[in-house]
């Protein structure tokens, strides 16, 4: 089937050409069998769903096409031109306290780290840069369930955002790296990520590039070496931080900063939904995370944990950090989570609690990217996760209504930095439409099964 996106004429919201949906380019889809579905300016996600239901394209494919049009156009853009400067969420003293003494930050070091982060030559075949799995335009993620590495290899894990990563006690979904410096270098040597064989190969390659030779000499006072590659990348990552959001302004007394749905969501978050049990709120470090690991049952939908642990036991027992890194990204043992690192049975299937700042921009969700929207995530927890022998004791059905699920998601939207206010509205609409489509598809499949 041939599908083409037709550009619409005329001025749209936020200064872009084409018809807009909350500031998102839309237009129309033309299919080879003759249907044309135009989406007018100002259409919300729920209205898209209503339009689909009322149209002649009753099959879920019709809504799928609408979703594609939205999905390809919504991403975490740079701050809106003319918007007020972002308000810092973390004080310089807080940032300093989380910066290791052996790698103090500086503008020059962060700039060098940014150069490395953006350069494909860091990979074995010059095909992949760090920013391709951690894209600034996508909340420093990929918006795909898992990431592709060199030679088009597909990993087992969702790429976590580097936003606020400096505040994690351990890195990666399973905590297999103890610092940002270590985290920054492991992907370079992983065979299905950037594919370099040895640190010396990376050092030799960078040492042949004049701009890196000059920058390393300027920042560190000596030639390129492997340890400093990690230090420069980590220094850059420590500059990627969330900024003030509507929630923060609400806490300071601005009642209009959050709407009624978001305020109800905040009450649910700390009450009936019990989100705060793991996504803890600490006014001194308001990231909404506990730096711990929990089995929510996501991986048990694919694997029998006991059988998987038995098959992987020998490799885990003998594995050094490089081997554990390969197990985590290239094998089914990935689903064992923290157990790969700790070797404690109670950690089987447990993964790190992610921070919730700017979470709206970083889907899909969970360690394997298996939940497309925040609505899917809340519904997963609403049913009590997925039963398995190692399920976290706190995973119990919540009994949330559909409107309460909406309120919780809207609250999480209020944790999006103000500099992404336009993208916040567009992404909420996109995710809601995707969620509704999923429900419609389930009903359609259920009818056909009968």
Protein backbone atom coordinates (compact mmCIF):
# COMPACT_ATOMS: atom_id res chain seq x y z
CA UNK A 1 0.00 0.00 0.00
CA UNK A 2 1.37 3.40 -0.96
CA UNK A 3 1.12 6.10 1.71
CA UNK A 4 2.17 9.68 1.23
CA UNK A 5 2.01 12.62 3.61
CA UNK A 6 0.55 15.66 1.88
CA UNK A 7 1.72 19.03 3.11
CA UNK A 8 -1.12 21.37 3.94
CA UNK A 9 -0.93 25.01 3.02
CA UNK A 10 -1.44 28.05 5.20
CA UNK A 11 0.01 29.21 8.48
CA UNK A 12 -0.25 26.93 11.51
CA UNK A 13 0.23 27.27 15.21
CA UNK A 14 3.68 28.20 16.55
CA UNK A 15 4.91 29.63 13.28
CA UNK A 16 5.12 26.43 11.23
CA UNK A 17 3.57 25.86 7.82
CA UNK A 18 0.90 23.22 7.43
CA UNK A 19 -2.17 22.35 9.43
CA UNK A 20 -1.44 21.99 13.14
CA UNK A 21 -2.51 19.69 15.93
CA UNK A 22 -1.44 21.42 19.13
CA UNK A 23 1.58 22.78 17.29
CA UNK A 24 2.32 19.52 15.46
CA UNK A 25 2.50 19.30 11.67
CA UNK A 26 -0.23 17.08 10.34
CA UNK A 27 -1.62 17.41 6.80
CA UNK A 28 -3.38 14.47 5.19
CA UNK A 29 -2.78 10.85 4.33
CA UNK A 30 -3.60 9.64 0.83
CA UNK A 31 -3.88 5.90 0.30
CA UNK A 32 -3.66 4.11 -3.00
CA UNK A 33 -7.29 3.01 -2.68
CA UNK A 34 -8.42 6.61 -2.71
CA UNK A 35 -9.16 7.63 0.87
CA UNK A 36 -8.01 11.06 1.93
CA UNK A 37 -8.29 11.95 5.61
CA UNK A 38 -7.49 15.58 6.41
CA UNK A 39 -6.88 16.66 10.00
CA UNK A 40 -7.94 20.25 10.74
CA UNK A 41 -6.02 22.69 12.86
CA UNK A 42 -6.60 22.48 16.62
CA UNK A 43 -7.50 18.78 16.64
CA UNK A 44 -6.69 17.00 19.91
CA UNK A 45 -5.83 13.35 20.41
CA UNK A 46 -9.33 12.46 21.61
CA UNK A 47 -10.84 14.31 18.64
CA UNK A 48 -8.60 12.31 16.30
CA UNK A 49 -10.07 9.16 17.81
CA UNK A 50 -13.63 10.49 17.45
CA UNK A 51 -12.96 11.48 13.85
CA UNK A 52 -11.70 7.98 13.09
CA UNK A 53 -14.80 6.41 14.65
CA UNK A 54 -17.08 8.64 12.57
CA UNK A 55 -15.15 8.20 9.33
CA UNK A 56 -15.46 5.51 6.70
CA UNK A 57 -12.09 4.10 7.75
CA UNK A 58 -13.51 2.02 10.60
CA UNK A 59 -10.71 -0.54 10.49
CA UNK A 60 -7.95 0.10 13.10
CA UNK A 61 -5.55 0.65 10.18
CA UNK A 62 -7.25 3.99 9.62
CA UNK A 63 -6.34 5.19 13.09
CA UNK A 64 -2.88 3.67 12.71
CA UNK A 65 -2.24 5.96 9.77
CA UNK A 66 -3.28 8.98 11.82
CA UNK A 67 -0.96 7.84 14.58
CA UNK A 68 1.95 7.57 12.18
CA UNK A 69 1.40 11.15 11.08
CA UNK A 70 1.53 12.36 14.66
CA UNK A 71 4.35 10.09 15.81
CA UNK A 72 6.76 11.18 13.11
CA UNK A 73 6.24 14.84 13.94
CA UNK A 74 6.29 15.00 17.76
CA UNK A 75 9.63 15.12 19.48
CA UNK A 76 11.32 17.01 22.30
CA UNK A 77 12.41 20.06 20.40
CA UNK A 78 14.88 22.65 21.64
CA UNK A 79 13.29 25.38 23.77
CA UNK A 80 10.62 27.42 21.98
CA UNK A 81 12.11 30.62 20.47
CA UNK A 82 11.18 33.65 22.55
CA UNK A 83 10.27 31.58 25.61
CA UNK A 84 11.56 32.74 29.02
CA UNK A 85 14.91 31.23 30.00
CA UNK A 86 14.57 27.95 31.91
CA UNK A 87 14.67 28.14 35.69
CA UNK A 88 17.28 25.84 37.25
CA UNK A 89 15.89 23.00 39.34
CA UNK A 90 19.15 22.12 41.07
CA UNK A 91 21.45 24.55 42.85
CA UNK A 92 25.16 24.78 42.01
CA UNK A 93 25.89 23.41 45.50
CA UNK A 94 23.72 20.34 44.83
CA UNK A 95 25.40 19.70 41.49
CA UNK A 96 28.82 20.12 43.08
CA UNK A 97 27.97 17.63 45.83
CA UNK A 98 27.16 14.96 43.23
CA UNK A 99 30.29 15.63 41.15
CA UNK A 100 33.27 13.37 41.98
CA UNK A 101 36.38 15.11 43.28
CA UNK A 102 38.55 13.38 40.66
CA UNK A 103 36.50 14.79 37.79
CA UNK A 104 35.51 18.39 38.53
CA UNK A 105 33.34 20.00 35.90
CA UNK A 106 34.31 22.84 33.58
CA UNK A 107 32.86 24.40 30.46
CA UNK A 108 35.81 23.23 28.38
CA UNK A 109 35.55 19.65 29.63
CA UNK A 110 31.79 19.54 29.03
CA UNK A 111 32.34 20.94 25.52
CA UNK A 112 34.87 18.18 24.80
CA UNK A 113 32.39 15.63 26.12
CA UNK A 114 29.73 17.07 23.84
CA UNK A 115 32.11 16.73 20.87
CA UNK A 116 32.67 13.07 21.72
CA UNK A 117 28.95 12.49 22.34
CA UNK A 118 28.07 13.76 18.86
CA UNK A 119 30.87 12.12 16.86
CA UNK A 120 30.22 8.92 14.88
CA UNK A 121 33.93 8.26 14.71
CA UNK A 122 33.76 6.97 18.27
CA UNK A 123 32.18 3.80 16.83
CA UNK A 124 34.14 1.08 15.06
CA UNK A 125 32.72 1.83 11.60
CA UNK A 126 31.94 5.56 11.91
CA UNK A 127 28.21 4.81 11.79
CA UNK A 128 27.00 5.54 15.31
CA UNK A 129 27.30 8.41 17.78
CA UNK A 130 26.09 8.48 21.38
CA UNK A 131 23.47 11.06 20.41
CA UNK A 132 21.79 8.60 18.04
CA UNK A 133 20.55 6.47 20.95
CA UNK A 134 20.33 9.44 23.32
CA UNK A 135 18.96 12.12 21.03
CA UNK A 136 18.53 15.64 22.46
CA UNK A 137 15.44 15.96 20.26
CA UNK A 138 13.85 12.94 21.96
CA UNK A 139 14.51 13.63 25.62
CA UNK A 140 17.95 11.98 25.19
CA UNK A 141 16.32 8.68 24.21
CA UNK A 142 15.42 7.06 20.87
CA UNK A 143 11.59 6.75 21.01
CA UNK A 144 12.02 3.12 19.94
CA UNK A 145 11.58 0.08 22.22
CA UNK A 146 15.27 -0.83 22.06
CA UNK A 147 18.28 0.64 20.28
CA UNK A 148 20.17 -0.35 17.15
CA UNK A 149 23.94 -0.47 17.19
CA UNK A 150 26.67 -0.90 14.59
CA UNK A 151 25.90 -3.25 11.71
CA UNK A 152 22.21 -2.73 12.46
CA UNK A 153 22.30 -4.98 15.53
CA UNK A 154 19.32 -4.67 17.87
CA UNK A 155 19.88 -4.64 21.61
CA UNK A 156 17.62 -5.97 24.36
CA UNK A 157 17.28 -2.81 26.44
CA UNK A 158 15.52 0.51 26.06
CA UNK A 159 17.99 3.41 25.98
CA UNK A 160 17.49 5.33 29.25
CA UNK A 161 17.56 9.11 29.13
CA UNK A 162 20.75 10.78 30.34
CA UNK A 163 18.70 13.66 31.80
CA UNK A 164 19.56 13.89 35.52
CA UNK A 165 21.65 10.69 35.27
CA UNK A 166 24.27 12.28 37.52
CA UNK A 167 21.93 11.71 40.47
CA UNK A 168 21.67 7.94 40.07
CA UNK A 169 23.76 5.90 42.51
CA UNK A 170 24.43 3.30 39.82
CA UNK A 171 24.02 3.40 36.05
CA UNK A 172 22.04 1.40 33.48
CA UNK A 173 18.77 -0.41 34.16
CA UNK A 174 20.56 -3.05 36.24
CA UNK A 175 23.12 -0.78 37.94
CA UNK A 176 26.10 -2.56 36.39
CA UNK A 177 28.19 0.63 36.24
CA UNK A 178 29.16 2.44 39.43
CA UNK A 179 29.68 5.89 37.91
CA UNK A 180 28.87 8.06 34.92
CA UNK A 181 32.52 7.78 33.89
CA UNK A 182 32.22 3.99 33.64
CA UNK A 183 28.78 4.14 32.05
CA UNK A 184 30.02 6.48 29.34
CA UNK A 185 32.71 4.11 28.10
CA UNK A 186 30.99 0.70 28.22
CA UNK A 187 28.79 1.26 25.13
CA UNK A 188 31.86 2.16 23.07
CA UNK A 189 33.28 -1.34 23.64
CA UNK A 190 30.04 -3.31 23.53
CA UNK A 191 29.98 -5.37 20.29
CA UNK A 192 26.31 -4.60 19.52
CA UNK A 193 26.49 -0.91 20.42
CA UNK A 194 29.52 0.99 19.12
CA UNK A 195 31.62 -2.10 18.51
CA UNK A 196 35.17 -1.01 19.35
CA UNK A 197 37.44 -3.92 20.35
CA UNK A 198 39.81 -2.35 22.87
CA UNK A 199 40.30 1.02 24.63
CA UNK A 200 43.62 1.37 22.82
CA UNK A 201 41.80 1.29 19.47
CA UNK A 202 39.62 4.23 20.53
CA UNK A 203 42.60 6.18 21.82
CA UNK A 204 44.53 5.58 18.59
CA UNK A 205 41.58 6.70 16.48
CA UNK A 206 40.98 9.90 18.47
CA UNK A 207 44.72 10.64 18.54
CA UNK A 208 44.66 10.85 14.74
CA UNK A 209 41.96 13.57 14.76
CA UNK A 210 43.53 17.03 15.24
CA UNK A 211 40.55 18.67 16.94
CA UNK A 212 40.48 15.97 19.62
CA UNK A 213 44.24 16.06 20.12
CA UNK A 214 44.02 19.81 20.71
CA UNK A 215 40.94 19.61 22.96
CA UNK A 216 42.32 16.84 25.20
CA UNK A 217 45.59 18.75 25.58
CA UNK A 218 43.71 21.92 26.48
CA UNK A 219 41.37 20.28 29.00
CA UNK A 220 43.59 17.63 30.60
CA UNK A 221 47.09 18.86 29.81
CA UNK A 222 48.17 15.62 28.11
CA UNK A 223 47.38 13.45 25.06
CA UNK A 224 44.22 11.42 24.60
CA UNK A 225 43.78 8.50 27.00
CA UNK A 226 40.89 6.13 27.77
CA UNK A 227 40.18 7.35 31.30
CA UNK A 228 39.82 10.93 30.11
CA UNK A 229 37.38 9.89 27.37
CA UNK A 230 35.07 8.68 30.13
CA UNK A 231 35.68 11.80 32.22
CA UNK A 232 34.86 14.17 29.37
CA UNK A 233 31.68 12.30 28.41
CA UNK A 234 30.57 12.20 32.06
CA UNK A 235 31.24 15.93 32.47
CA UNK A 236 28.95 16.61 29.51
CA UNK A 237 26.23 14.30 30.82
CA UNK A 238 26.28 16.15 34.15
CA UNK A 239 25.15 19.27 32.31
CA UNK A 240 21.99 17.56 30.96
CA UNK A 241 19.45 18.44 33.64
CA UNK A 242 15.72 18.98 33.86
CA UNK A 243 14.57 22.48 34.70
CA UNK A 244 11.56 23.93 36.51
CA UNK A 245 8.16 22.49 35.55
CA UNK A 246 4.52 23.41 36.30
CA UNK A 247 4.63 21.15 39.37
CA UNK A 248 7.41 23.25 40.92
CA UNK A 249 5.54 26.48 40.35
CA UNK A 250 2.43 24.88 41.88
CA UNK A 251 4.36 23.94 45.03
CA UNK A 252 5.53 27.55 45.33
CA UNK A 253 1.91 28.68 45.52
CA UNK A 254 0.94 29.25 41.89
CA UNK A 255 -2.48 27.55 41.89
CA UNK A 256 -2.85 28.06 38.15
CA UNK A 257 0.38 26.21 37.32
CA UNK A 258 -1.44 22.85 37.42
CA UNK A 259 -5.00 22.27 36.21
CA UNK A 260 -7.67 20.36 38.17
CA UNK A 261 -6.80 17.02 36.57
CA UNK A 262 -3.11 17.41 37.39
CA UNK A 263 -3.91 18.35 41.00
CA UNK A 264 -6.09 15.26 41.34
CA UNK A 265 -3.25 13.24 39.81
CA UNK A 266 -0.81 14.55 42.43
CA UNK A 267 -3.20 13.47 45.19
CA UNK A 268 -3.51 10.02 43.60
CA UNK A 269 0.27 9.79 43.14
CA UNK A 270 0.87 10.22 46.87
CA UNK A 271 -2.27 8.34 47.92
CA UNK A 272 -4.42 5.69 46.29
CA UNK A 273 -2.02 4.92 43.40
CA UNK A 274 0.95 4.54 45.78
CA UNK A 275 3.38 5.77 43.11
CA UNK A 276 5.42 7.55 45.78
CA UNK A 277 6.42 4.23 47.32
CA UNK A 278 9.11 3.89 44.64
CA UNK A 279 9.00 7.24 42.86
CA UNK A 280 9.67 9.08 46.08
CA UNK A 281 9.43 12.84 46.26
CA UNK A 282 12.26 14.54 48.15
CA UNK A 283 12.08 18.37 48.18
CA UNK A 284 15.88 18.50 48.44
CA UNK A 285 16.27 16.37 45.30
CA UNK A 286 12.85 16.35 43.57
CA UNK A 287 13.48 13.63 40.99
CA UNK A 288 10.77 11.10 41.91
CA UNK A 289 12.93 8.00 42.27
CA UNK A 290 14.35 5.77 45.02
CA UNK A 291 17.60 4.60 43.39
CA UNK A 292 16.51 1.02 44.06
CA UNK A 293 15.59 -2.03 41.97
CA UNK A 294 12.14 -3.63 41.75
CA UNK A 295 10.57 -6.61 39.99
CA UNK A 296 7.31 -5.37 38.49
CA UNK A 297 6.86 -8.43 36.28
CA UNK A 298 7.55 -6.80 32.93
CA UNK A 299 10.14 -9.38 31.89
CA UNK A 300 8.10 -12.35 33.11
CA UNK A 301 5.75 -11.95 30.17
CA UNK A 302 8.57 -13.24 27.95
CA UNK A 303 10.56 -15.62 30.13
CA UNK A 304 10.33 -18.15 32.95
CA UNK A 305 12.67 -16.45 35.42
CA UNK A 306 13.73 -19.63 37.24
CA UNK A 307 14.63 -21.44 34.02
CA UNK A 308 16.39 -18.39 32.65
CA UNK A 309 18.44 -17.96 35.83
CA UNK A 310 19.52 -21.62 35.68
CA UNK A 311 20.64 -21.34 32.05
CA UNK A 312 22.54 -18.13 32.73
CA UNK A 313 24.06 -19.08 36.09
CA UNK A 314 27.47 -20.22 34.80
CA UNK A 315 27.95 -17.18 32.59
CA UNK A 316 26.92 -14.84 35.39
CA UNK A 317 29.19 -16.52 37.94
CA UNK A 318 32.25 -16.28 35.69
CA UNK A 319 31.41 -13.01 33.97
CA UNK A 320 33.51 -9.91 34.40
CA UNK A 321 31.98 -6.49 33.79
CA UNK A 322 32.47 -6.69 30.03
CA UNK A 323 30.76 -10.08 29.91
CA UNK A 324 27.89 -8.88 32.08
CA UNK A 325 27.50 -5.91 29.74
CA UNK A 326 27.19 -8.28 26.78
CA UNK A 327 24.70 -10.53 28.63
CA UNK A 328 22.56 -7.50 29.45
CA UNK A 329 22.29 -6.26 25.88
CA UNK A 330 22.64 -9.26 23.60
CA UNK A 331 21.00 -12.27 25.27
CA UNK A 332 17.73 -13.35 26.88
CA UNK A 333 19.55 -13.10 30.21
CA UNK A 334 18.85 -9.37 29.90
CA UNK A 335 15.46 -10.05 31.55
CA UNK A 336 17.19 -11.12 34.77
CA UNK A 337 17.94 -7.48 35.51
CA UNK A 338 19.82 -6.68 38.72
CA UNK A 339 20.54 -10.39 39.29
CA UNK A 340 23.17 -10.19 36.54
CA UNK A 341 25.15 -7.85 38.78
CA UNK A 342 24.31 -8.84 42.35
CA UNK A 343 23.87 -12.62 41.78
CA UNK A 344 21.22 -12.50 44.54
CA UNK A 345 18.07 -14.48 43.71
CA UNK A 346 15.84 -11.80 45.22
CA UNK A 347 17.07 -9.46 42.47
CA UNK A 348 15.86 -11.69 39.61
CA UNK A 349 13.83 -9.60 37.20
CA UNK A 350 14.42 -6.38 39.17
CA UNK A 351 15.20 -3.13 37.35
CA UNK A 352 16.04 0.36 38.53
CA UNK A 353 13.29 2.86 39.27
CA UNK A 354 13.67 5.65 36.69
CA UNK A 355 13.32 9.29 37.65
CA UNK A 356 10.10 10.91 36.44
CA UNK A 357 11.31 14.37 35.48
CA UNK A 358 10.52 14.91 31.77
CA UNK A 359 9.23 11.33 31.62
CA UNK A 360 6.54 12.33 29.12
CA UNK A 361 9.25 12.97 26.50
CA UNK A 362 11.16 9.70 26.96
CA UNK A 363 8.79 6.91 25.88
CA UNK A 364 8.42 4.06 25.19
CA UNK A 365 8.76 2.84 28.75
CA UNK A 366 10.20 0.08 30.96
CA UNK A 367 13.57 -1.62 30.54
CA UNK A 368 12.50 -3.27 27.28
CA UNK A 369 10.45 -0.39 25.86
CA UNK A 370 7.40 -2.66 25.80
CA UNK A 371 4.88 -0.08 27.06
CA UNK A 372 4.29 2.61 24.46
CA UNK A 373 2.54 5.30 26.49
CA UNK A 374 2.22 6.54 30.06
CA UNK A 375 -1.39 5.34 29.94
CA UNK A 376 -0.09 1.82 29.27
CA UNK A 377 2.35 2.16 32.17
CA UNK A 378 -0.29 3.28 34.65
CA UNK A 379 -2.65 0.52 33.53
CA UNK A 380 0.14 -2.05 33.95
CA UNK A 381 0.62 -0.95 37.57
CA UNK A 382 -3.13 -0.61 38.04
CA UNK A 383 -3.53 -4.35 37.51
CA UNK A 384 -0.68 -5.11 39.93
CA UNK A 385 2.04 -5.83 37.38
CA UNK A 386 2.69 -9.32 36.06
CA UNK A 387 2.68 -12.20 38.55
CA UNK A 388 5.95 -14.11 38.99
CA UNK A 389 7.86 -15.74 41.90
CA UNK A 390 10.02 -12.65 42.43
CA UNK A 391 7.37 -9.93 42.13
CA UNK A 392 7.97 -6.95 44.40
CA UNK A 393 5.77 -7.15 47.49
CA UNK A 394 4.39 -3.69 46.83
CA UNK A 395 2.90 -4.70 43.49
CA UNK A 396 -0.84 -4.96 44.15
CA UNK A 397 -3.91 -4.01 42.07
CA UNK A 398 -4.78 -0.34 42.58
CA UNK A 399 -8.41 -0.15 41.52
CA UNK A 400 -7.99 3.08 39.57
CA UNK A 401 -10.83 4.25 37.35
CA UNK A 402 -10.25 5.38 33.77
CA UNK A 403 -10.55 9.03 34.79
CA UNK A 404 -8.06 8.49 37.62
CA UNK A 405 -5.60 6.96 35.14
CA UNK A 406 -6.02 10.10 33.00
CA UNK A 407 -5.37 12.31 36.03
CA UNK A 408 -2.18 10.44 36.94
CA UNK A 409 -0.81 10.75 33.42
CA UNK A 410 -1.72 14.43 33.29
CA UNK A 411 0.15 14.94 36.56
CA UNK A 412 3.25 13.29 35.13
CA UNK A 413 2.94 15.69 32.22
CA UNK A 414 3.25 18.51 34.77
CA UNK A 415 6.77 17.22 35.54
CA UNK A 416 7.89 18.26 32.04
CA UNK A 417 10.33 21.17 32.02
CA UNK A 418 8.70 24.48 31.06
CA UNK A 419 11.11 24.87 28.15
CA UNK A 420 9.23 21.97 26.51
CA UNK A 421 5.73 23.36 27.10
CA UNK A 422 4.73 23.10 23.43
CA UNK A 423 6.02 19.55 23.14
CA UNK A 424 4.26 18.62 26.40
CA UNK A 425 0.82 19.29 24.90
CA UNK A 426 1.62 17.56 21.62
CA UNK A 427 3.10 14.48 23.26
CA UNK A 428 0.16 14.08 25.64
CA UNK A 429 -2.16 14.10 22.63
CA UNK A 430 0.02 11.66 20.70
CA UNK A 431 0.26 9.21 23.58
CA UNK A 432 -3.45 9.38 24.35
CA UNK A 433 -4.32 8.71 20.72
CA UNK A 434 -1.87 5.79 20.63
CA UNK A 435 -3.40 4.36 23.79
CA UNK A 436 -6.94 4.66 22.43
CA UNK A 437 -5.83 2.99 19.22
CA UNK A 438 -4.39 0.11 21.21
CA UNK A 439 -7.70 -0.35 22.99
CA UNK A 440 -9.59 -0.25 19.69
CA UNK A 441 -7.23 -2.83 18.19
CA UNK A 442 -7.70 -5.12 21.19
CA UNK A 443 -11.47 -4.93 20.77
CA UNK A 444 -11.16 -5.62 17.06
CA UNK A 445 -8.92 -8.63 17.66
CA UNK A 446 -11.30 -9.89 20.35
CA UNK A 447 -14.25 -9.70 17.92
CA UNK A 448 -12.35 -11.63 15.26
CA UNK A 449 -11.28 -14.25 17.84
CA UNK A 450 -14.94 -14.86 18.63
